[in-house]
Amino acid sequence: MKVFDTNGKLCVTTWETAAGGATFWTALANFTATPASTSTITMGTDQTATIPVGSPLKYTIGGTVYYGMVTAITSNLLTVAGAPLGGSVTALSLGDISRIEQVDIVVNGYYEDAANTALISTDLNAALVWRKSKAYAVAYKVWSKVHDSSTHGKATVLINATELNTAAAGLTIAADATWYSTVVDIATAAYDINPAEAIEIAVKKGGTGDAHDLVVSIMFVHP
């Protein structure tokens, strides 16, 4: 999917990997049920060769299935972005590459000159609507070529008009050309996206409102 602004400049691109075969999810073993933290799982064996960074994850906690992705792995620790690990993990599965999708949104120019909850609509003169089956937004990153020269501004993702981040107004952008990312600060009540629901970007104005050239990258997991 590609979205262009009124000047014909590409502002939104999505990538989805090719299907990886009939078996989309593989159950993982040799892990400790009690998480080491809300974002890490202790692994009983070295699985760095079989669990690639960037892979989708599915895990069951308290009888509920949640989704996330691998952001790092060592010989004994798996780091997760997505739904927080808020209890004992009774099942853990690794998805193949067909289960994850990246959506990048580029907003050129000054974007936080005012507080705005519909940046795609107002600054890109566009709309981004999900047309696929249900998926889960497990993480997002933000990057600004130039950040606010006074009090730092913030940016977040809205799924169906609901904020994806558990922190009000989302991620603080504190430096130029630097990526800021969610970890497990994802609102699980809001992270599912269904057909015909909209994706939007919200920004909180900093002290001066002179930040410009924003990139927002959202990772989705297909169940």
N, C-alpha and C. Protein backbone atom coordinates (compact mmCIF):
# COMPACT_ATOMS: atom_id res chain seq x y z
N MET A 1 0.86 -1.19 0.00
CA MET A 1 0.00 0.00 0.00
C MET A 1 0.89 1.23 0.00
N LYS A 2 0.54 2.22 -0.83
CA LYS A 2 1.27 3.47 -0.85
C LYS A 2 0.29 4.63 -0.80
N VAL A 3 0.62 5.69 -0.06
CA VAL A 3 -0.20 6.89 0.04
C VAL A 3 0.68 8.07 -0.32
N PHE A 4 0.16 8.97 -1.18
CA PHE A 4 0.90 10.13 -1.60
C PHE A 4 0.23 11.39 -1.08
N ASP A 5 1.04 12.44 -0.81
CA ASP A 5 0.44 13.70 -0.39
C ASP A 5 -0.03 14.47 -1.61
N THR A 6 -0.56 15.67 -1.40
CA THR A 6 -1.15 16.44 -2.49
C THR A 6 -0.12 16.92 -3.51
N ASN A 7 1.16 16.84 -3.15
CA ASN A 7 2.22 17.19 -4.09
C ASN A 7 2.78 15.98 -4.82
N GLY A 8 2.17 14.84 -4.60
CA GLY A 8 2.62 13.63 -5.27
C GLY A 8 3.79 12.95 -4.60
N LYS A 9 4.14 13.37 -3.36
CA LYS A 9 5.27 12.77 -2.66
C LYS A 9 4.80 11.57 -1.83
N LEU A 10 5.57 10.48 -1.91
CA LEU A 10 5.23 9.28 -1.15
C LEU A 10 5.34 9.56 0.34
N CYS A 11 4.26 9.28 1.09
CA CYS A 11 4.29 9.55 2.52
C CYS A 11 3.97 8.33 3.37
N VAL A 12 3.37 7.30 2.80
CA VAL A 12 3.07 6.09 3.56
C VAL A 12 3.42 4.88 2.70
N THR A 13 4.17 3.95 3.28
CA THR A 13 4.49 2.71 2.60
C THR A 13 4.29 1.56 3.55
N THR A 14 3.78 0.43 3.06
CA THR A 14 3.67 -0.75 3.89
C THR A 14 4.38 -1.90 3.21
N TRP A 15 4.92 -2.78 4.06
CA TRP A 15 5.53 -4.01 3.57
C TRP A 15 4.88 -5.19 4.27
N GLU A 16 4.60 -6.23 3.53
CA GLU A 16 4.19 -7.48 4.14
C GLU A 16 5.01 -8.58 3.52
N THR A 17 5.51 -9.46 4.34
CA THR A 17 6.37 -10.52 3.85
C THR A 17 5.56 -11.57 3.12
N ALA A 18 6.23 -12.30 2.27
CA ALA A 18 5.57 -13.39 1.56
C ALA A 18 5.24 -14.52 2.51
N ALA A 19 4.25 -15.30 2.14
CA ALA A 19 3.84 -16.42 2.98
C ALA A 19 5.00 -17.37 3.22
N GLY A 20 5.12 -17.85 4.44
CA GLY A 20 6.25 -18.70 4.79
C GLY A 20 5.91 -20.16 4.87
N GLY A 21 4.73 -20.55 4.40
CA GLY A 21 4.36 -21.97 4.45
C GLY A 21 3.09 -22.17 5.23
N ALA A 22 2.64 -23.40 5.29
CA ALA A 22 1.36 -23.71 5.92
C ALA A 22 1.42 -23.56 7.43
N THR A 23 2.57 -23.79 8.03
CA THR A 23 2.69 -23.70 9.49
C THR A 23 3.18 -22.31 9.85
N PHE A 24 2.25 -21.49 10.35
CA PHE A 24 2.58 -20.10 10.65
C PHE A 24 3.18 -19.93 12.05
N TRP A 25 2.82 -20.80 12.98
CA TRP A 25 3.28 -20.67 14.37
C TRP A 25 3.90 -21.96 14.84
N THR A 26 5.03 -21.82 15.53
CA THR A 26 5.75 -22.97 16.08
C THR A 26 5.87 -22.81 17.59
N ALA A 27 5.40 -23.79 18.33
CA ALA A 27 5.47 -23.73 19.80
C ALA A 27 6.92 -23.79 20.25
N LEU A 28 7.27 -22.94 21.22
CA LEU A 28 8.61 -22.92 21.79
C LEU A 28 8.60 -23.61 23.15
N ALA A 29 9.68 -24.28 23.45
CA ALA A 29 9.84 -24.96 24.74
C ALA A 29 11.09 -24.41 25.42
N ASN A 30 11.41 -24.99 26.57
CA ASN A 30 12.62 -24.62 27.31
C ASN A 30 12.67 -23.14 27.67
N PHE A 31 11.58 -22.66 28.27
CA PHE A 31 11.56 -21.30 28.79
C PHE A 31 10.93 -21.34 30.19
N THR A 32 11.25 -20.32 30.98
CA THR A 32 10.71 -20.22 32.33
C THR A 32 9.37 -19.51 32.28
N ALA A 33 8.33 -20.12 32.86
CA ALA A 33 6.97 -19.57 32.78
C ALA A 33 6.88 -18.19 33.43
N THR A 34 7.55 -18.01 34.56
CA THR A 34 7.51 -16.71 35.24
C THR A 34 8.47 -15.76 34.53
N PRO A 35 7.96 -14.68 33.94
CA PRO A 35 8.85 -13.78 33.19
C PRO A 35 9.92 -13.15 34.09
N ALA A 36 11.08 -12.90 33.51
CA ALA A 36 12.14 -12.20 34.24
C ALA A 36 11.76 -10.74 34.48
N SER A 37 10.94 -10.18 33.60
CA SER A 37 10.41 -8.82 33.75
C SER A 37 9.17 -8.74 32.86
N THR A 38 8.55 -7.59 32.79
CA THR A 38 7.37 -7.45 31.92
C THR A 38 7.72 -7.48 30.44
N SER A 39 9.02 -7.50 30.12
CA SER A 39 9.42 -7.53 28.71
C SER A 39 10.45 -8.61 28.39
N THR A 40 10.77 -9.50 29.35
CA THR A 40 11.78 -10.52 29.09
C THR A 40 11.35 -11.89 29.62
N ILE A 41 11.78 -12.91 28.87
CA ILE A 41 11.51 -14.30 29.24
C ILE A 41 12.85 -15.03 29.33
N THR A 42 13.04 -15.77 30.40
CA THR A 42 14.26 -16.55 30.57
C THR A 42 14.16 -17.82 29.74
N MET A 43 15.17 -18.07 28.92
CA MET A 43 15.20 -19.26 28.07
C MET A 43 16.12 -20.30 28.70
N GLY A 44 15.68 -21.56 28.71
CA GLY A 44 16.46 -22.62 29.33
C GLY A 44 17.57 -23.15 28.46
N THR A 45 17.48 -22.91 27.14
CA THR A 45 18.52 -23.32 26.21
C THR A 45 18.82 -22.16 25.26
N ASP A 46 19.99 -22.21 24.66
CA ASP A 46 20.38 -21.17 23.72
C ASP A 46 19.61 -21.36 22.41
N GLN A 47 18.69 -20.43 22.10
CA GLN A 47 17.89 -20.53 20.88
C GLN A 47 18.12 -19.34 19.95
N THR A 48 19.30 -18.73 20.08
CA THR A 48 19.62 -17.57 19.25
C THR A 48 19.67 -17.93 17.76
N ALA A 49 19.96 -19.17 17.44
CA ALA A 49 20.04 -19.58 16.03
C ALA A 49 18.68 -19.82 15.41
N THR A 50 17.64 -19.97 16.23
CA THR A 50 16.32 -20.34 15.70
C THR A 50 15.25 -19.28 15.96
N ILE A 51 15.55 -18.26 16.76
CA ILE A 51 14.58 -17.19 17.05
C ILE A 51 15.17 -15.87 16.54
N PRO A 52 14.86 -15.47 15.32
CA PRO A 52 15.43 -14.23 14.79
C PRO A 52 14.82 -12.97 15.42
N VAL A 53 15.64 -11.97 15.61
CA VAL A 53 15.14 -10.66 16.04
C VAL A 53 14.19 -10.13 14.97
N GLY A 54 13.07 -9.57 15.41
CA GLY A 54 12.06 -9.07 14.47
C GLY A 54 10.94 -10.04 14.21
N SER A 55 11.03 -11.25 14.77
CA SER A 55 10.00 -12.26 14.55
C SER A 55 8.77 -11.99 15.41
N PRO A 56 7.59 -12.41 14.93
CA PRO A 56 6.38 -12.28 15.75
C PRO A 56 6.30 -13.34 16.83
N LEU A 57 5.63 -12.99 17.92
CA LEU A 57 5.44 -13.90 19.04
C LEU A 57 3.96 -13.95 19.43
N LYS A 58 3.57 -15.11 19.92
CA LYS A 58 2.23 -15.30 20.49
C LYS A 58 2.41 -15.97 21.84
N TYR A 59 1.79 -15.41 22.89
CA TYR A 59 1.97 -15.98 24.23
C TYR A 59 0.67 -15.93 25.01
N THR A 60 0.49 -16.94 25.85
CA THR A 60 -0.74 -17.05 26.64
C THR A 60 -0.43 -16.75 28.10
N ILE A 61 -1.20 -15.82 28.66
CA ILE A 61 -1.07 -15.44 30.07
C ILE A 61 -2.48 -15.41 30.67
N GLY A 62 -2.68 -16.18 31.73
CA GLY A 62 -3.99 -16.20 32.37
C GLY A 62 -5.12 -16.61 31.45
N GLY A 63 -4.81 -17.48 30.50
CA GLY A 63 -5.82 -17.97 29.57
C GLY A 63 -6.09 -17.06 28.38
N THR A 64 -5.45 -15.91 28.32
CA THR A 64 -5.63 -14.96 27.22
C THR A 64 -4.41 -14.98 26.31
N VAL A 65 -4.64 -14.99 25.01
CA VAL A 65 -3.57 -14.98 24.03
C VAL A 65 -3.20 -13.54 23.70
N TYR A 66 -1.91 -13.24 23.77
CA TYR A 66 -1.40 -11.91 23.44
C TYR A 66 -0.37 -12.03 22.32
N TYR A 67 -0.02 -10.86 21.74
CA TYR A 67 0.93 -10.84 20.63
C TYR A 67 2.03 -9.81 20.88
N GLY A 68 3.20 -10.11 20.33
CA GLY A 68 4.34 -9.23 20.44
C GLY A 68 5.35 -9.57 19.38
N MET A 69 6.58 -9.10 19.57
CA MET A 69 7.66 -9.41 18.64
C MET A 69 8.97 -9.48 19.39
N VAL A 70 9.94 -10.17 18.80
CA VAL A 70 11.27 -10.31 19.39
C VAL A 70 12.09 -9.07 19.08
N THR A 71 12.62 -8.41 20.11
CA THR A 71 13.49 -7.27 19.87
C THR A 71 14.95 -7.57 20.19
N ALA A 72 15.20 -8.63 20.95
CA ALA A 72 16.58 -9.05 21.24
C ALA A 72 16.53 -10.47 21.79
N ILE A 73 17.63 -11.20 21.61
CA ILE A 73 17.73 -12.53 22.21
C ILE A 73 19.19 -12.83 22.49
N THR A 74 19.44 -13.39 23.68
CA THR A 74 20.76 -13.88 24.05
C THR A 74 20.65 -15.37 24.33
N SER A 75 21.72 -15.95 24.82
CA SER A 75 21.70 -17.39 25.09
C SER A 75 20.67 -17.78 26.13
N ASN A 76 20.26 -16.83 26.98
CA ASN A 76 19.30 -17.19 28.04
C ASN A 76 18.18 -16.19 28.27
N LEU A 77 18.04 -15.18 27.38
CA LEU A 77 17.01 -14.17 27.61
C LEU A 77 16.39 -13.70 26.30
N LEU A 78 15.07 -13.73 26.26
CA LEU A 78 14.29 -13.27 25.10
C LEU A 78 13.61 -11.96 25.48
N THR A 79 13.82 -10.91 24.68
CA THR A 79 13.22 -9.60 24.96
C THR A 79 12.07 -9.35 23.99
N VAL A 80 10.95 -8.90 24.56
CA VAL A 80 9.70 -8.79 23.83
C VAL A 80 9.25 -7.33 23.77
N ALA A 81 8.70 -6.93 22.61
CA ALA A 81 7.91 -5.69 22.50
C ALA A 81 6.49 -6.10 22.18
N GLY A 82 5.53 -5.42 22.80
CA GLY A 82 4.13 -5.75 22.56
C GLY A 82 3.35 -5.78 23.83
N ALA A 83 2.43 -6.73 23.94
CA ALA A 83 1.66 -6.86 25.17
C ALA A 83 2.60 -7.18 26.33
N PRO A 84 2.43 -6.53 27.48
CA PRO A 84 3.33 -6.78 28.60
C PRO A 84 3.19 -8.19 29.16
N LEU A 85 4.28 -8.73 29.68
CA LEU A 85 4.29 -10.06 30.29
C LEU A 85 3.87 -9.91 31.74
N GLY A 86 2.56 -9.85 31.96
CA GLY A 86 2.03 -9.52 33.27
C GLY A 86 1.72 -10.70 34.16
N GLY A 87 2.16 -11.89 33.77
CA GLY A 87 1.90 -13.08 34.58
C GLY A 87 2.61 -14.27 33.97
N SER A 88 2.37 -15.45 34.52
CA SER A 88 3.03 -16.66 34.03
C SER A 88 2.65 -16.95 32.58
N VAL A 89 3.65 -17.24 31.78
CA VAL A 89 3.45 -17.55 30.36
C VAL A 89 3.25 -19.06 30.24
N THR A 90 2.05 -19.47 29.91
CA THR A 90 1.73 -20.90 29.84
C THR A 90 1.94 -21.48 28.45
N ALA A 91 2.07 -20.63 27.44
CA ALA A 91 2.37 -21.08 26.08
C ALA A 91 3.07 -19.96 25.35
N LEU A 92 4.04 -20.34 24.53
CA LEU A 92 4.85 -19.37 23.79
C LEU A 92 5.10 -19.92 22.40
N SER A 93 4.77 -19.13 21.36
CA SER A 93 4.96 -19.58 19.98
C SER A 93 5.66 -18.51 19.16
N LEU A 94 6.47 -18.98 18.22
CA LEU A 94 7.19 -18.12 17.29
C LEU A 94 6.48 -18.17 15.95
N GLY A 95 6.16 -17.00 15.39
CA GLY A 95 5.52 -16.95 14.09
C GLY A 95 6.53 -16.85 12.96
N ASP A 96 6.14 -17.32 11.78
CA ASP A 96 7.04 -17.15 10.64
C ASP A 96 6.90 -15.73 10.10
N ILE A 97 7.72 -15.38 9.11
CA ILE A 97 7.82 -13.99 8.67
C ILE A 97 6.54 -13.49 8.00
N SER A 98 5.66 -14.40 7.59
CA SER A 98 4.41 -13.95 6.98
C SER A 98 3.44 -13.37 7.99
N ARG A 99 3.73 -13.51 9.28
CA ARG A 99 2.82 -13.04 10.33
C ARG A 99 3.11 -11.63 10.79
N ILE A 100 4.11 -10.96 10.22
CA ILE A 100 4.45 -9.62 10.69
C ILE A 100 4.47 -8.64 9.53
N GLU A 101 4.05 -7.42 9.80
CA GLU A 101 3.94 -6.39 8.77
C GLU A 101 4.37 -5.04 9.34
N GLN A 102 5.05 -4.28 8.51
CA GLN A 102 5.53 -2.96 8.91
C GLN A 102 4.82 -1.88 8.11
N VAL A 103 4.35 -0.83 8.78
CA VAL A 103 3.73 0.32 8.13
C VAL A 103 4.52 1.56 8.52
N ASP A 104 5.09 2.24 7.55
CA ASP A 104 5.85 3.46 7.79
C ASP A 104 5.07 4.67 7.29
N ILE A 105 5.00 5.71 8.10
CA ILE A 105 4.29 6.94 7.75
C ILE A 105 5.28 8.09 7.85
N VAL A 106 5.42 8.85 6.77
CA VAL A 106 6.37 9.96 6.70
C VAL A 106 5.60 11.27 6.60
N VAL A 107 5.86 12.17 7.53
CA VAL A 107 5.22 13.48 7.52
C VAL A 107 6.30 14.53 7.32
N ASN A 108 6.39 15.07 6.12
CA ASN A 108 7.40 16.08 5.82
C ASN A 108 6.95 17.46 6.31
N GLY A 109 7.91 18.26 6.70
CA GLY A 109 7.62 19.62 7.13
C GLY A 109 7.35 19.72 8.63
N TYR A 110 6.87 20.88 9.06
CA TYR A 110 6.60 21.13 10.48
C TYR A 110 5.31 20.41 10.86
N TYR A 111 5.40 19.53 11.86
CA TYR A 111 4.27 18.68 12.20
C TYR A 111 3.71 18.92 13.60
N GLU A 112 4.46 19.60 14.50
CA GLU A 112 3.95 19.79 15.86
C GLU A 112 3.84 21.27 16.19
N ASP A 113 3.45 22.06 15.18
CA ASP A 113 3.19 23.48 15.40
C ASP A 113 1.93 23.69 16.24
N ALA A 114 1.13 22.61 16.37
CA ALA A 114 -0.05 22.63 17.24
C ALA A 114 -0.34 21.20 17.65
N ALA A 115 -1.01 21.03 18.80
CA ALA A 115 -1.45 19.69 19.18
C ALA A 115 -2.40 19.17 18.11
N ASN A 116 -2.24 17.90 17.74
CA ASN A 116 -3.00 17.37 16.60
C ASN A 116 -3.24 15.89 16.81
N THR A 117 -4.47 15.45 16.71
CA THR A 117 -4.79 14.02 16.85
C THR A 117 -5.12 13.37 15.50
N ALA A 118 -4.88 14.09 14.41
CA ALA A 118 -5.19 13.54 13.08
C ALA A 118 -4.17 14.04 12.07
N LEU A 119 -2.92 13.70 12.31
CA LEU A 119 -1.82 14.24 11.50
C LEU A 119 -1.89 13.73 10.06
N ILE A 120 -2.29 12.48 9.86
CA ILE A 120 -2.39 11.95 8.51
C ILE A 120 -3.44 12.73 7.72
N SER A 121 -4.56 13.02 8.37
CA SER A 121 -5.64 13.75 7.71
C SER A 121 -5.26 15.20 7.43
N THR A 122 -4.70 15.89 8.42
CA THR A 122 -4.49 17.33 8.29
C THR A 122 -3.20 17.71 7.57
N ASP A 123 -2.12 16.97 7.84
CA ASP A 123 -0.83 17.33 7.25
C ASP A 123 -0.53 16.60 5.95
N LEU A 124 -1.06 15.38 5.81
CA LEU A 124 -0.84 14.62 4.58
C LEU A 124 -2.03 14.68 3.64
N ASN A 125 -3.15 15.22 4.14
CA ASN A 125 -4.38 15.26 3.34
C ASN A 125 -4.71 13.87 2.80
N ALA A 126 -4.65 12.90 3.71
CA ALA A 126 -4.82 11.50 3.31
C ALA A 126 -5.57 10.76 4.40
N ALA A 127 -5.86 9.50 4.13
CA ALA A 127 -6.49 8.62 5.12
C ALA A 127 -5.83 7.26 5.01
N LEU A 128 -5.63 6.61 6.15
CA LEU A 128 -5.02 5.29 6.19
C LEU A 128 -5.99 4.35 6.91
N VAL A 129 -6.63 3.47 6.15
CA VAL A 129 -7.66 2.58 6.68
C VAL A 129 -7.23 1.14 6.47
N TRP A 130 -7.37 0.33 7.50
CA TRP A 130 -6.99 -1.08 7.47
C TRP A 130 -8.01 -1.87 6.66
N ARG A 131 -7.58 -2.58 5.63
CA ARG A 131 -8.48 -3.35 4.77
C ARG A 131 -8.29 -4.85 4.91
N LYS A 132 -7.40 -5.25 5.77
CA LYS A 132 -7.09 -6.67 5.93
C LYS A 132 -7.86 -7.25 7.11
N SER A 133 -7.63 -8.54 7.36
CA SER A 133 -8.26 -9.17 8.52
C SER A 133 -7.61 -8.66 9.79
N LYS A 134 -8.20 -9.01 10.91
CA LYS A 134 -7.76 -8.52 12.21
C LYS A 134 -6.28 -8.78 12.45
N ALA A 135 -5.61 -7.76 12.99
CA ALA A 135 -4.19 -7.88 13.34
C ALA A 135 -3.97 -7.09 14.63
N TYR A 136 -2.70 -7.09 15.08
CA TYR A 136 -2.37 -6.46 16.36
C TYR A 136 -1.15 -5.54 16.18
N ALA A 137 -1.29 -4.29 16.61
CA ALA A 137 -0.19 -3.33 16.56
C ALA A 137 0.65 -3.51 17.81
N VAL A 138 1.80 -4.17 17.67
CA VAL A 138 2.57 -4.58 18.85
C VAL A 138 3.68 -3.61 19.23
N ALA A 139 4.02 -2.70 18.34
CA ALA A 139 5.09 -1.74 18.64
C ALA A 139 5.05 -0.61 17.63
N TYR A 140 5.58 0.54 18.03
CA TYR A 140 5.81 1.60 17.06
C TYR A 140 7.04 2.39 17.47
N LYS A 141 7.68 3.00 16.48
CA LYS A 141 8.85 3.84 16.67
C LYS A 141 8.59 5.20 16.05
N VAL A 142 9.21 6.24 16.62
CA VAL A 142 9.12 7.58 16.03
C VAL A 142 10.52 8.15 15.86
N TRP A 143 10.66 9.00 14.85
CA TRP A 143 11.94 9.63 14.49
C TRP A 143 11.63 11.00 13.94
N SER A 144 12.35 12.00 14.38
CA SER A 144 12.17 13.36 13.86
C SER A 144 13.51 13.91 13.42
N LYS A 145 13.58 14.40 12.21
CA LYS A 145 14.85 14.97 11.73
C LYS A 145 15.30 16.09 12.65
N VAL A 146 14.35 16.95 13.06
CA VAL A 146 14.63 18.02 14.01
C VAL A 146 13.55 17.98 15.09
N HIS A 147 13.97 17.92 16.36
CA HIS A 147 13.00 17.90 17.44
C HIS A 147 12.73 19.32 17.93
N ASP A 148 11.75 19.47 18.80
CA ASP A 148 11.39 20.79 19.32
C ASP A 148 12.57 21.41 20.06
N SER A 149 12.86 22.67 19.75
CA SER A 149 14.03 23.33 20.33
C SER A 149 13.83 23.75 21.77
N SER A 150 12.61 23.63 22.29
CA SER A 150 12.34 23.97 23.68
C SER A 150 11.88 22.70 24.40
N THR A 151 10.74 22.73 25.07
CA THR A 151 10.21 21.54 25.72
C THR A 151 9.90 20.48 24.66
N HIS A 152 10.28 19.25 24.92
CA HIS A 152 10.15 18.20 23.92
C HIS A 152 8.69 17.90 23.60
N GLY A 153 8.43 17.64 22.32
CA GLY A 153 7.12 17.21 21.88
C GLY A 153 6.97 15.70 22.00
N LYS A 154 5.76 15.19 21.73
CA LYS A 154 5.48 13.76 21.79
C LYS A 154 4.70 13.32 20.56
N ALA A 155 4.75 12.01 20.30
CA ALA A 155 3.97 11.45 19.19
C ALA A 155 3.47 10.07 19.58
N THR A 156 2.30 9.73 19.07
CA THR A 156 1.73 8.42 19.35
C THR A 156 0.89 7.96 18.17
N VAL A 157 0.47 6.71 18.23
CA VAL A 157 -0.36 6.10 17.20
C VAL A 157 -1.77 5.93 17.75
N LEU A 158 -2.76 6.20 16.91
CA LEU A 158 -4.15 5.95 17.25
C LEU A 158 -4.68 4.82 16.38
N ILE A 159 -5.28 3.83 17.01
CA ILE A 159 -5.95 2.75 16.30
C ILE A 159 -7.44 2.91 16.54
N ASN A 160 -8.18 3.17 15.47
CA ASN A 160 -9.63 3.39 15.60
C ASN A 160 -9.92 4.47 16.64
N ALA A 161 -9.14 5.55 16.59
CA ALA A 161 -9.30 6.74 17.43
C ALA A 161 -8.91 6.51 18.89
N THR A 162 -8.27 5.39 19.20
CA THR A 162 -7.84 5.09 20.57
C THR A 162 -6.33 5.03 20.63
N GLU A 163 -5.75 5.67 21.65
CA GLU A 163 -4.29 5.74 21.75
C GLU A 163 -3.68 4.37 22.03
N LEU A 164 -2.65 4.04 21.26
CA LEU A 164 -1.99 2.74 21.37
C LEU A 164 -1.06 2.67 22.58
N ASN A 165 -0.49 3.80 22.96
CA ASN A 165 0.48 3.82 24.05
C ASN A 165 -0.22 3.99 25.40
N THR A 166 0.27 3.30 26.41
CA THR A 166 -0.31 3.45 27.75
C THR A 166 0.10 4.77 28.40
N ALA A 167 1.18 5.39 27.91
CA ALA A 167 1.61 6.69 28.43
C ALA A 167 0.89 7.80 27.67
N ALA A 168 0.36 8.76 28.38
CA ALA A 168 -0.39 9.84 27.75
C ALA A 168 0.46 10.55 26.70
N ALA A 169 -0.08 10.70 25.51
CA ALA A 169 0.54 11.39 24.38
C ALA A 169 1.70 10.62 23.76
N GLY A 170 2.06 9.45 24.32
CA GLY A 170 3.01 8.58 23.65
C GLY A 170 4.47 8.82 23.95
N LEU A 171 5.29 8.75 22.92
CA LEU A 171 6.74 8.79 23.05
C LEU A 171 7.28 10.21 22.99
N THR A 172 8.18 10.54 23.90
CA THR A 172 8.83 11.85 23.90
C THR A 172 9.98 11.85 22.89
N ILE A 173 10.02 12.89 22.08
CA ILE A 173 11.08 13.04 21.07
C ILE A 173 12.07 14.06 21.61
N ALA A 174 13.20 13.57 22.10
CA ALA A 174 14.11 14.42 22.87
C ALA A 174 15.40 14.80 22.14
N ALA A 175 15.58 14.30 20.91
CA ALA A 175 16.82 14.61 20.19
C ALA A 175 16.56 14.53 18.69
N ASP A 176 17.41 15.17 17.93
CA ASP A 176 17.30 15.11 16.47
C ASP A 176 17.67 13.72 15.95
N ALA A 177 16.97 13.30 14.90
CA ALA A 177 17.33 12.10 14.14
C ALA A 177 17.64 10.90 15.02
N THR A 178 16.77 10.66 16.00
CA THR A 178 16.95 9.57 16.95
C THR A 178 15.66 8.77 17.02
N TRP A 179 15.77 7.44 16.97
CA TRP A 179 14.60 6.58 17.07
C TRP A 179 14.20 6.39 18.53
N TYR A 180 12.90 6.53 18.79
CA TYR A 180 12.32 6.23 20.10
C TYR A 180 11.25 5.16 19.90
N SER A 181 11.21 4.19 20.81
CA SER A 181 10.37 3.02 20.58
C SER A 181 9.57 2.63 21.82
N THR A 182 8.39 2.08 21.57
CA THR A 182 7.66 1.41 22.65
C THR A 182 8.36 0.10 22.98
N VAL A 183 8.08 -0.41 24.18
CA VAL A 183 8.55 -1.74 24.57
C VAL A 183 7.30 -2.56 24.91
N VAL A 184 6.87 -2.51 26.17
CA VAL A 184 5.60 -3.15 26.51
C VAL A 184 4.61 -2.10 27.02
N ASP A 185 4.83 -0.85 26.64
CA ASP A 185 3.89 0.23 26.96
C ASP A 185 2.80 0.32 25.89
N ILE A 186 2.22 -0.84 25.60
CA ILE A 186 1.17 -0.97 24.59
C ILE A 186 -0.15 -1.24 25.30
N ALA A 187 -1.18 -0.48 24.95
CA ALA A 187 -2.50 -0.66 25.55
C ALA A 187 -3.20 -1.83 24.85
N THR A 188 -3.25 -2.97 25.52
CA THR A 188 -3.81 -4.16 24.88
C THR A 188 -5.30 -4.04 24.60
N ALA A 189 -5.98 -3.13 25.27
CA ALA A 189 -7.39 -2.91 24.97
C ALA A 189 -7.56 -2.19 23.63
N ALA A 190 -6.46 -1.62 23.11
CA ALA A 190 -6.54 -0.82 21.89
C ALA A 190 -5.68 -1.36 20.76
N TYR A 191 -4.89 -2.43 20.99
CA TYR A 191 -3.88 -2.78 19.98
C TYR A 191 -4.39 -3.64 18.84
N ASP A 192 -5.62 -4.15 18.93
CA ASP A 192 -6.17 -4.89 17.80
C ASP A 192 -6.74 -3.92 16.77
N ILE A 193 -6.56 -4.25 15.50
CA ILE A 193 -7.11 -3.43 14.42
C ILE A 193 -7.93 -4.34 13.52
N ASN A 194 -9.11 -3.86 13.16
CA ASN A 194 -10.06 -4.65 12.39
C ASN A 194 -10.33 -3.99 11.05
N PRO A 195 -10.90 -4.73 10.10
CA PRO A 195 -11.20 -4.13 8.80
C PRO A 195 -12.04 -2.86 8.92
N ALA A 196 -11.67 -1.85 8.14
CA ALA A 196 -12.33 -0.54 8.06
C ALA A 196 -11.97 0.39 9.20
N GLU A 197 -11.09 -0.03 10.12
CA GLU A 197 -10.65 0.88 11.17
C GLU A 197 -9.46 1.72 10.69
N ALA A 198 -9.38 2.93 11.22
CA ALA A 198 -8.38 3.89 10.75
C ALA A 198 -7.14 3.89 11.63
N ILE A 199 -6.02 4.19 11.01
CA ILE A 199 -4.75 4.45 11.70
C ILE A 199 -4.50 5.95 11.63
N GLU A 200 -4.17 6.55 12.75
CA GLU A 200 -3.84 7.98 12.77
C GLU A 200 -2.61 8.22 13.64
N ILE A 201 -2.04 9.39 13.48
CA ILE A 201 -0.90 9.83 14.29
C ILE A 201 -1.32 11.06 15.08
N ALA A 202 -1.01 11.06 16.37
CA ALA A 202 -1.29 12.21 17.22
C ALA A 202 0.03 12.78 17.73
N VAL A 203 0.12 14.09 17.79
CA VAL A 203 1.32 14.74 18.32
C VAL A 203 0.93 15.76 19.39
N LYS A 204 1.80 15.87 20.39
CA LYS A 204 1.64 16.88 21.44
C LYS A 204 2.69 17.96 21.20
N LYS A 205 2.26 19.18 21.10
CA LYS A 205 3.17 20.28 20.82
C LYS A 205 4.16 20.48 21.97
N GLY A 206 5.42 20.70 21.62
CA GLY A 206 6.43 21.03 22.60
C GLY A 206 6.40 22.52 22.90
N GLY A 207 7.50 23.02 23.45
CA GLY A 207 7.51 24.41 23.87
C GLY A 207 7.51 25.41 22.74
N THR A 208 8.14 25.07 21.60
CA THR A 208 8.26 26.01 20.50
C THR A 208 7.41 25.61 19.30
N GLY A 209 7.23 24.33 19.09
CA GLY A 209 6.44 23.87 17.95
C GLY A 209 7.20 23.90 16.64
N ASP A 210 8.53 23.76 16.70
CA ASP A 210 9.34 23.87 15.48
C ASP A 210 9.94 22.55 15.03
N ALA A 211 9.46 21.42 15.56
CA ALA A 211 9.96 20.12 15.11
C ALA A 211 9.47 19.85 13.69
N HIS A 212 10.32 19.20 12.91
CA HIS A 212 9.88 18.92 11.53
C HIS A 212 10.46 17.59 11.01
N ASP A 213 9.74 17.06 10.04
CA ASP A 213 10.08 15.82 9.33
C ASP A 213 10.04 14.61 10.27
N LEU A 214 8.86 14.03 10.36
CA LEU A 214 8.57 12.93 11.28
C LEU A 214 8.40 11.62 10.52
N VAL A 215 8.94 10.54 11.10
CA VAL A 215 8.70 9.19 10.60
C VAL A 215 8.11 8.37 11.75
N VAL A 216 7.01 7.67 11.47
CA VAL A 216 6.41 6.76 12.43
C VAL A 216 6.36 5.38 11.79
N SER A 217 6.92 4.39 12.48
CA SER A 217 6.98 3.02 11.98
C SER A 217 6.21 2.12 12.94
N ILE A 218 5.19 1.43 12.41
CA ILE A 218 4.31 0.60 13.22
C ILE A 218 4.47 -0.86 12.80
N MET A 219 4.59 -1.75 13.80
CA MET A 219 4.71 -3.18 13.54
C MET A 219 3.39 -3.88 13.91
N PHE A 220 2.84 -4.64 12.97
CA PHE A 220 1.62 -5.40 13.17
C PHE A 220 1.90 -6.90 13.12
N VAL A 221 1.21 -7.65 13.96
CA VAL A 221 1.29 -9.12 13.93
C VAL A 221 -0.06 -9.66 13.50
N HIS A 222 -0.04 -10.56 12.52
CA HIS A 222 -1.24 -11.24 12.05
C HIS A 222 -1.40 -12.55 12.83
N PRO A 223 -2.57 -12.79 13.44
CA PRO A 223 -2.73 -14.01 14.23
C PRO A 223 -2.80 -15.26 13.37
